[in-house]
Amino acid sequence: MNSFAKSTLAALALSLTLSASTAIAATAETAVDAVKCVQRELTALGFETGLADGLVGVKTFLASEAYIRYMRANGEKGWAQPGLNVDTARLWCEKVADAHPKVAPFWRAFAETEMPTDPKAIFEFAYRYDIGIGGKKNEALAVRWYLRAAELGYAPAQRNLAGMFGSGRGIARNDDTARYWFLAAANQGDAQAQYVLGKYYSANREMSLGWLFKAAQQGHQAAILELESLLEI
């Protein structure tokens, strides 16, 4: 038996295992949608995955292996992903879209359907992208989801979004927008935002002390130290 036949049989055996696990998880609609997302994206790039049915069959598995070889041949040495299956499909979907912007709309459409509506959950979703939990760090996506949570009035998201605008991470730097979101968070009692504003308004002693005092009242250590320095305590 030649090496191609062996690899095909191995792929078939693996696909049968994956298909069985998919059948067991048939009620996990989001996992199936993630597989469909990968199938559509790889097809858009010219890899034959078969029908976009949400099942990791032989064609889809072989297409995913071919894609990995393609990425490595084109210098993407750091592109190391776990084998494609229903559990890793979401990460695959995001990664392919990230590597090939022309197919990114597929990922965005999938992400929209997955997006939670609770502002705290949205913030946690954004934070994963901000620091790279469970996948590649993506500051642009972090900004996008921080903004959604910030617009829903979630103070931690407003503060982190302000920091992104203030530092130019994931989006063009805009000090006015940064100040807007820091004020929004600070007015809701976010101690870190209050501290940042206390430092920002250093030229206005009264305003600076006011914000620093608010942060210090909540136990913000840097604000306490800053107050002690300014008041020479």
C-alpha atoms as a PDB file:
ATOM      1  CA  MET A   1       0.000   0.000   0.000  1.00  0.00           C
ATOM      2  CA  ASN A   2       1.504   3.353  -1.003  1.00  0.00           C
ATOM      3  CA  SER A   3       1.871   6.304   1.338  1.00  0.00           C
ATOM      4  CA  PHE A   4      -1.021   8.219  -0.251  1.00  0.00           C
ATOM      5  CA  ALA A   5      -3.393   5.284   0.271  1.00  0.00           C
ATOM      6  CA  LYS A   6      -2.214   4.928   3.866  1.00  0.00           C
ATOM      7  CA  SER A   7      -2.741   8.612   4.562  1.00  0.00           C
ATOM      8  CA  THR A   8      -6.190   8.488   2.958  1.00  0.00           C
ATOM      9  CA  LEU A   9      -7.202   5.490   5.069  1.00  0.00           C
ATOM     10  CA  ALA A  10      -5.857   7.200   8.168  1.00  0.00           C
ATOM     11  CA  ALA A  11      -7.831  10.305   7.293  1.00  0.00           C
ATOM     12  CA  LEU A  12     -10.942   8.182   6.718  1.00  0.00           C
ATOM     13  CA  ALA A  13     -10.536   6.469  10.097  1.00  0.00           C
ATOM     14  CA  LEU A  14     -10.069   9.799  11.802  1.00  0.00           C
ATOM     15  CA  SER A  15     -13.020  11.328  10.003  1.00  0.00           C
ATOM     16  CA  LEU A  16     -15.256   8.438  11.100  1.00  0.00           C
ATOM     17  CA  THR A  17     -14.202   9.049  14.692  1.00  0.00           C
ATOM     18  CA  LEU A  18     -14.817  12.758  14.309  1.00  0.00           C
ATOM     19  CA  SER A  19     -18.167  12.132  12.641  1.00  0.00           C
ATOM     20  CA  ALA A  20     -19.191   9.923  15.555  1.00  0.00           C
ATOM     21  CA  SER A  21     -18.241  12.603  18.048  1.00  0.00           C
ATOM     22  CA  THR A  22     -20.125  15.135  15.931  1.00  0.00           C
ATOM     23  CA  ALA A  23     -23.228  12.957  15.991  1.00  0.00           C
ATOM     24  CA  ILE A  24     -23.042  12.783  19.769  1.00  0.00           C
ATOM     25  CA  ALA A  25     -22.722  16.566  19.896  1.00  0.00           C
ATOM     26  CA  ALA A  26     -25.404  17.168  17.263  1.00  0.00           C
ATOM     27  CA  THR A  27     -27.319  19.342  19.687  1.00  0.00           C
ATOM     28  CA  ALA A  28     -24.322  21.673  19.987  1.00  0.00           C
ATOM     29  CA  GLU A  29     -25.482  23.893  17.154  1.00  0.00           C
ATOM     30  CA  THR A  30     -22.688  26.422  17.589  1.00  0.00           C
ATOM     31  CA  ALA A  31     -20.010  23.752  17.064  1.00  0.00           C
ATOM     32  CA  VAL A  32     -21.677  22.675  13.807  1.00  0.00           C
ATOM     33  CA  ASP A  33     -21.881  26.312  12.718  1.00  0.00           C
ATOM     34  CA  ALA A  34     -18.171  26.711  13.441  1.00  0.00           C
ATOM     35  CA  VAL A  35     -17.342  23.727  11.213  1.00  0.00           C
ATOM     36  CA  LYS A  36     -19.523  25.214   8.469  1.00  0.00           C
ATOM     37  CA  CYS A  37     -17.637  28.475   8.860  1.00  0.00           C
ATOM     38  CA  VAL A  38     -14.299  26.692   8.330  1.00  0.00           C
ATOM     39  CA  GLN A  39     -15.677  24.799   5.342  1.00  0.00           C
ATOM     40  CA  ARG A  40     -16.878  28.009   3.690  1.00  0.00           C
ATOM     41  CA  GLU A  41     -13.600  29.794   4.333  1.00  0.00           C
ATOM     42  CA  LEU A  42     -11.383  26.990   3.041  1.00  0.00           C
ATOM     43  CA  THR A  43     -13.616  26.623  -0.021  1.00  0.00           C
ATOM     44  CA  ALA A  44     -13.274  30.361  -0.675  1.00  0.00           C
ATOM     45  CA  LEU A  45      -9.500  29.851  -0.674  1.00  0.00           C
ATOM     46  CA  GLY A  46      -9.730  27.013  -3.197  1.00  0.00           C
ATOM     47  CA  PHE A  47      -9.537  23.996  -0.886  1.00  0.00           C
ATOM     48  CA  GLU A  48     -12.186  21.379  -1.620  1.00  0.00           C
ATOM     49  CA  THR A  49     -14.037  20.618   1.606  1.00  0.00           C
ATOM     50  CA  GLY A  50     -17.204  19.163   0.101  1.00  0.00           C
ATOM     51  CA  LEU A  51     -20.582  20.399   1.279  1.00  0.00           C
ATOM     52  CA  ALA A  52     -20.674  22.984   4.041  1.00  0.00           C
ATOM     53  CA  ASP A  53     -22.655  20.589   6.209  1.00  0.00           C
ATOM     54  CA  GLY A  54     -20.916  21.138   9.540  1.00  0.00           C
ATOM     55  CA  LEU A  55     -19.402  17.621   9.567  1.00  0.00           C
ATOM     56  CA  VAL A  56     -15.664  16.991   9.523  1.00  0.00           C
ATOM     57  CA  GLY A  57     -15.649  14.306   6.861  1.00  0.00           C
ATOM     58  CA  VAL A  58     -12.792  13.015   4.721  1.00  0.00           C
ATOM     59  CA  LYS A  59     -12.775  15.964   2.310  1.00  0.00           C
ATOM     60  CA  THR A  60     -12.916  18.547   5.065  1.00  0.00           C
ATOM     61  CA  PHE A  61     -10.156  16.860   7.044  1.00  0.00           C
ATOM     62  CA  LEU A  62      -7.875  16.519   4.005  1.00  0.00           C
ATOM     63  CA  ALA A  63      -8.588  20.130   3.027  1.00  0.00           C
ATOM     64  CA  SER A  64      -7.575  21.274   6.510  1.00  0.00           C
ATOM     65  CA  GLU A  65      -4.339  19.281   6.303  1.00  0.00           C
ATOM     66  CA  ALA A  66      -3.637  20.755   2.856  1.00  0.00           C
ATOM     67  CA  TYR A  67      -4.228  24.228   4.244  1.00  0.00           C
ATOM     68  CA  ILE A  68      -1.697  23.688   7.026  1.00  0.00           C
ATOM     69  CA  ARG A  69       0.878  22.520   4.468  1.00  0.00           C
ATOM     70  CA  TYR A  70       0.076  25.547   2.316  1.00  0.00           C
ATOM     71  CA  MET A  71       0.590  27.941   5.235  1.00  0.00           C
ATOM     72  CA  ARG A  72       3.889  26.312   6.194  1.00  0.00           C
ATOM     73  CA  ALA A  73       5.108  26.374   2.593  1.00  0.00           C
ATOM     74  CA  ASN A  74       4.421  30.103   2.512  1.00  0.00           C
ATOM     75  CA  GLY A  75       6.494  30.871   5.559  1.00  0.00           C
ATOM     76  CA  GLU A  76       3.815  30.706   8.245  1.00  0.00           C
ATOM     77  CA  LYS A  77       6.088  28.719  10.554  1.00  0.00           C
ATOM     78  CA  GLY A  78       4.235  29.759  13.660  1.00  0.00           C
ATOM     79  CA  TRP A  79       0.893  28.522  12.431  1.00  0.00           C
ATOM     80  CA  ALA A  80       0.446  25.513  14.702  1.00  0.00           C
ATOM     81  CA  GLN A  81      -3.149  24.511  15.244  1.00  0.00           C
ATOM     82  CA  PRO A  82      -4.715  21.419  16.736  1.00  0.00           C
ATOM     83  CA  GLY A  83      -6.337  19.105  14.194  1.00  0.00           C
ATOM     84  CA  LEU A  84      -9.655  20.334  12.883  1.00  0.00           C
ATOM     85  CA  ASN A  85     -12.684  18.926  14.715  1.00  0.00           C
ATOM     86  CA  VAL A  86     -15.909  20.271  16.165  1.00  0.00           C
ATOM     87  CA  ASP A  87     -14.139  21.386  19.335  1.00  0.00           C
ATOM     88  CA  THR A  88     -11.406  23.347  17.556  1.00  0.00           C
ATOM     89  CA  ALA A  89     -13.478  24.604  14.615  1.00  0.00           C
ATOM     90  CA  ARG A  90     -14.174  28.019  16.091  1.00  0.00           C
ATOM     91  CA  LEU A  91     -10.454  28.671  16.590  1.00  0.00           C
ATOM     92  CA  TRP A  92      -9.837  27.475  13.035  1.00  0.00           C
ATOM     93  CA  CYS A  93     -12.547  29.746  11.668  1.00  0.00           C
ATOM     94  CA  GLU A  94     -11.034  32.773  13.364  1.00  0.00           C
ATOM     95  CA  LYS A  95      -7.470  31.861  12.407  1.00  0.00           C
ATOM     96  CA  VAL A  96      -8.189  31.388   8.716  1.00  0.00           C
ATOM     97  CA  ALA A  97     -10.095  34.663   8.601  1.00  0.00           C
ATOM     98  CA  ASP A  98      -7.235  36.395  10.393  1.00  0.00           C
ATOM     99  CA  ALA A  99      -4.674  35.010   7.929  1.00  0.00           C
ATOM    100  CA  HIS A 100      -6.827  35.784   4.889  1.00  0.00           C
ATOM    101  CA  PRO A 101      -8.840  39.009   5.294  1.00  0.00           C
ATOM    102  CA  LYS A 102     -10.795  38.355   2.096  1.00  0.00           C
ATOM    103  CA  VAL A 103     -12.679  35.534   3.816  1.00  0.00           C
ATOM    104  CA  ALA A 104     -13.037  37.345   7.138  1.00  0.00           C
ATOM    105  CA  PRO A 105     -16.745  38.153   6.520  1.00  0.00           C
ATOM    106  CA  PHE A 106     -17.486  34.470   7.154  1.00  0.00           C
ATOM    107  CA  TRP A 107     -15.884  34.712  10.581  1.00  0.00           C
ATOM    108  CA  ARG A 108     -17.606  37.994  11.371  1.00  0.00           C
ATOM    109  CA  ALA A 109     -20.992  36.553  10.476  1.00  0.00           C
ATOM    110  CA  PHE A 110     -20.326  33.573  12.715  1.00  0.00           C
ATOM    111  CA  ALA A 111     -19.096  35.748  15.561  1.00  0.00           C
ATOM    112  CA  GLU A 112     -22.226  37.884  15.353  1.00  0.00           C
ATOM    113  CA  THR A 113     -24.473  34.858  15.825  1.00  0.00           C
ATOM    114  CA  GLU A 114     -22.362  33.711  18.779  1.00  0.00           C
ATOM    115  CA  MET A 115     -22.146  37.060  20.493  1.00  0.00           C
ATOM    116  CA  PRO A 116     -23.702  37.192  23.980  1.00  0.00           C
ATOM    117  CA  THR A 117     -26.034  40.062  24.817  1.00  0.00           C
ATOM    118  CA  ASP A 118     -25.077  40.485  28.471  1.00  0.00           C
ATOM    119  CA  PRO A 119     -22.545  43.364  28.709  1.00  0.00           C
ATOM    120  CA  LYS A 120     -20.374  41.552  31.262  1.00  0.00           C
ATOM    121  CA  ALA A 121     -20.196  38.469  29.009  1.00  0.00           C
ATOM    122  CA  ILE A 122     -19.346  40.695  26.038  1.00  0.00           C
ATOM    123  CA  PHE A 123     -16.590  42.350  28.094  1.00  0.00           C
ATOM    124  CA  GLU A 124     -15.124  38.944  28.989  1.00  0.00           C
ATOM    125  CA  PHE A 125     -15.292  37.959  25.311  1.00  0.00           C
ATOM    126  CA  ALA A 126     -13.369  41.134  24.382  1.00  0.00           C
ATOM    127  CA  TYR A 127     -10.836  40.603  27.157  1.00  0.00           C
ATOM    128  CA  ARG A 128      -9.929  37.175  25.760  1.00  0.00           C
ATOM    129  CA  TYR A 129      -8.920  38.841  22.500  1.00  0.00           C
ATOM    130  CA  ASP A 130      -7.181  41.685  24.322  1.00  0.00           C
ATOM    131  CA  ILE A 131      -4.702  39.433  26.134  1.00  0.00           C
ATOM    132  CA  GLY A 132      -4.888  36.289  23.973  1.00  0.00           C
ATOM    133  CA  ILE A 133      -6.781  33.808  26.145  1.00  0.00           C
ATOM    134  CA  GLY A 134      -7.764  30.649  24.246  1.00  0.00           C
ATOM    135  CA  GLY A 135      -6.433  31.848  20.899  1.00  0.00           C
ATOM    136  CA  LYS A 136      -4.389  34.476  19.150  1.00  0.00           C
ATOM    137  CA  LYS A 137      -4.328  37.973  20.590  1.00  0.00           C
ATOM    138  CA  ASN A 138      -6.373  40.314  18.385  1.00  0.00           C
ATOM    139  CA  GLU A 139      -6.542  43.886  19.634  1.00  0.00           C
ATOM    140  CA  ALA A 140      -8.775  45.074  16.782  1.00  0.00           C
ATOM    141  CA  LEU A 141     -11.443  42.528  17.726  1.00  0.00           C
ATOM    142  CA  ALA A 142     -10.975  43.431  21.390  1.00  0.00           C
ATOM    143  CA  VAL A 143     -11.767  47.068  20.572  1.00  0.00           C
ATOM    144  CA  ARG A 144     -14.837  46.015  18.628  1.00  0.00           C
ATOM    145  CA  TRP A 145     -16.342  44.023  21.495  1.00  0.00           C
ATOM    146  CA  TYR A 146     -15.235  46.455  24.205  1.00  0.00           C
ATOM    147  CA  LEU A 147     -17.129  49.113  22.275  1.00  0.00           C
ATOM    148  CA  ARG A 148     -20.295  47.030  22.232  1.00  0.00           C
ATOM    149  CA  ALA A 149     -20.151  46.461  25.987  1.00  0.00           C
ATOM    150  CA  ALA A 150     -19.196  50.098  26.598  1.00  0.00           C
ATOM    151  CA  GLU A 151     -22.192  51.309  24.632  1.00  0.00           C
ATOM    152  CA  LEU A 152     -24.355  49.123  26.870  1.00  0.00           C
ATOM    153  CA  GLY A 153     -22.987  51.061  29.849  1.00  0.00           C
ATOM    154  CA  TYR A 154     -20.541  48.531  31.301  1.00  0.00           C
ATOM    155  CA  ALA A 155     -17.891  50.545  33.148  1.00  0.00           C
ATOM    156  CA  PRO A 156     -14.951  48.078  32.918  1.00  0.00           C
ATOM    157  CA  ALA A 157     -15.445  47.933  29.133  1.00  0.00           C
ATOM    158  CA  GLN A 158     -15.584  51.729  28.947  1.00  0.00           C
ATOM    159  CA  ARG A 159     -12.325  51.940  30.890  1.00  0.00           C
ATOM    160  CA  ASN A 160     -10.521  49.320  28.795  1.00  0.00           C
ATOM    161  CA  LEU A 161     -11.819  50.829  25.572  1.00  0.00           C
ATOM    162  CA  ALA A 162     -10.524  54.213  26.703  1.00  0.00           C
ATOM    163  CA  GLY A 163      -7.139  52.645  27.287  1.00  0.00           C
ATOM    164  CA  MET A 164      -7.139  51.195  23.759  1.00  0.00           C
ATOM    165  CA  PHE A 165      -7.906  54.602  22.240  1.00  0.00           C
ATOM    166  CA  GLY A 166      -5.403  56.308  24.520  1.00  0.00           C
ATOM    167  CA  SER A 167      -2.553  53.983  23.561  1.00  0.00           C
ATOM    168  CA  GLY A 168      -3.523  53.338  19.943  1.00  0.00           C
ATOM    169  CA  ARG A 169      -3.829  49.589  20.490  1.00  0.00           C
ATOM    170  CA  GLY A 170      -6.150  47.926  17.981  1.00  0.00           C
ATOM    171  CA  ILE A 171      -7.366  51.277  16.675  1.00  0.00           C
ATOM    172  CA  ALA A 172      -5.986  54.687  15.736  1.00  0.00           C
ATOM    173  CA  ARG A 173      -5.050  56.743  18.775  1.00  0.00           C
ATOM    174  CA  ASN A 174      -7.660  59.326  19.712  1.00  0.00           C
ATOM    175  CA  ASP A 175      -7.149  61.171  22.981  1.00  0.00           C
ATOM    176  CA  ASP A 176     -10.552  62.861  22.874  1.00  0.00           C
ATOM    177  CA  THR A 177     -12.347  59.533  22.519  1.00  0.00           C
ATOM    178  CA  ALA A 178     -10.163  58.036  25.232  1.00  0.00           C
ATOM    179  CA  ARG A 179     -11.092  60.872  27.608  1.00  0.00           C
ATOM    180  CA  TYR A 180     -14.781  60.448  26.746  1.00  0.00           C
ATOM    181  CA  TRP A 181     -14.798  56.762  27.728  1.00  0.00           C
ATOM    182  CA  PHE A 182     -12.614  57.313  30.815  1.00  0.00           C
ATOM    183  CA  LEU A 183     -15.127  59.920  31.987  1.00  0.00           C
ATOM    184  CA  ALA A 184     -18.018  57.540  31.297  1.00  0.00           C
ATOM    185  CA  ALA A 185     -16.375  54.825  33.401  1.00  0.00           C
ATOM    186  CA  ALA A 186     -15.219  57.205  36.132  1.00  0.00           C
ATOM    187  CA  ASN A 187     -18.706  58.668  36.536  1.00  0.00           C
ATOM    188  CA  GLN A 188     -19.920  55.124  37.201  1.00  0.00           C
ATOM    189  CA  GLY A 189     -17.368  54.725  39.969  1.00  0.00           C
ATOM    190  CA  ASP A 190     -14.561  52.863  38.175  1.00  0.00           C
ATOM    191  CA  ALA A 191     -11.515  53.505  40.365  1.00  0.00           C
ATOM    192  CA  GLN A 192      -8.906  52.945  37.665  1.00  0.00           C
ATOM    193  CA  ALA A 193     -10.643  55.384  35.328  1.00  0.00           C
ATOM    194  CA  GLN A 194     -10.855  57.923  38.161  1.00  0.00           C
ATOM    195  CA  TYR A 195      -7.132  57.531  38.809  1.00  0.00           C
ATOM    196  CA  VAL A 196      -6.277  57.976  35.121  1.00  0.00           C
ATOM    197  CA  LEU A 197      -8.346  61.174  34.988  1.00  0.00           C
ATOM    198  CA  GLY A 198      -6.669  62.409  38.152  1.00  0.00           C
ATOM    199  CA  LYS A 199      -3.322  62.054  36.397  1.00  0.00           C
ATOM    200  CA  TYR A 200      -4.667  63.458  33.115  1.00  0.00           C
ATOM    201  CA  TYR A 201      -5.941  66.659  34.719  1.00  0.00           C
ATOM    202  CA  SER A 202      -2.667  67.295  36.562  1.00  0.00           C
ATOM    203  CA  ALA A 203      -2.621  70.880  35.280  1.00  0.00           C
ATOM    204  CA  ASN A 204      -5.932  71.511  37.069  1.00  0.00           C
ATOM    205  CA  ARG A 205      -5.130  70.790  40.722  1.00  0.00           C
ATOM    206  CA  GLU A 206      -8.710  70.927  41.972  1.00  0.00           C
ATOM    207  CA  MET A 207     -10.019  68.556  39.301  1.00  0.00           C
ATOM    208  CA  SER A 208      -7.027  66.253  39.640  1.00  0.00           C
ATOM    209  CA  LEU A 209      -7.401  65.995  43.419  1.00  0.00           C
ATOM    210  CA  GLY A 210     -11.127  65.390  43.048  1.00  0.00           C
ATOM    211  CA  TRP A 211     -10.704  62.354  40.816  1.00  0.00           C
ATOM    212  CA  LEU A 212      -7.754  61.011  42.786  1.00  0.00           C
ATOM    213  CA  PHE A 213      -9.731  61.306  46.010  1.00  0.00           C
ATOM    214  CA  LYS A 214     -12.637  59.355  44.519  1.00  0.00           C
ATOM    215  CA  ALA A 215     -10.263  56.578  43.446  1.00  0.00           C
ATOM    216  CA  ALA A 216      -8.456  56.616  46.803  1.00  0.00           C
ATOM    217  CA  GLN A 217     -11.753  56.226  48.649  1.00  0.00           C
ATOM    218  CA  GLN A 218     -12.118  52.882  46.890  1.00  0.00           C
ATOM    219  CA  GLY A 219      -8.670  51.764  48.014  1.00  0.00           C
ATOM    220  CA  HIS A 220      -6.829  52.425  44.747  1.00  0.00           C
ATOM    221  CA  GLN A 221      -3.225  52.281  45.958  1.00  0.00           C
ATOM    222  CA  ALA A 222      -1.659  54.320  43.157  1.00  0.00           C
ATOM    223  CA  ALA A 223      -4.220  57.069  43.734  1.00  0.00           C
ATOM    224  CA  ILE A 224      -3.483  57.058  47.467  1.00  0.00           C
ATOM    225  CA  LEU A 225       0.241  57.416  46.820  1.00  0.00           C
ATOM    226  CA  GLU A 226      -0.372  60.178  44.288  1.00  0.00           C
ATOM    227  CA  LEU A 227      -2.511  62.082  46.797  1.00  0.00           C
ATOM    228  CA  GLU A 228       0.103  61.713  49.504  1.00  0.00           C
ATOM    229  CA  SER A 229       2.689  63.127  47.120  1.00  0.00           C
ATOM    230  CA  LEU A 230       0.551  66.038  45.969  1.00  0.00           C
ATOM    231  CA  LEU A 231      -0.607  66.948  49.484  1.00  0.00           C
ATOM    232  CA  GLU A 232       2.829  66.254  50.986  1.00  0.00           C
ATOM    233  CA  ILE A 233       1.311  64.000  53.618  1.00  0.00           C
END
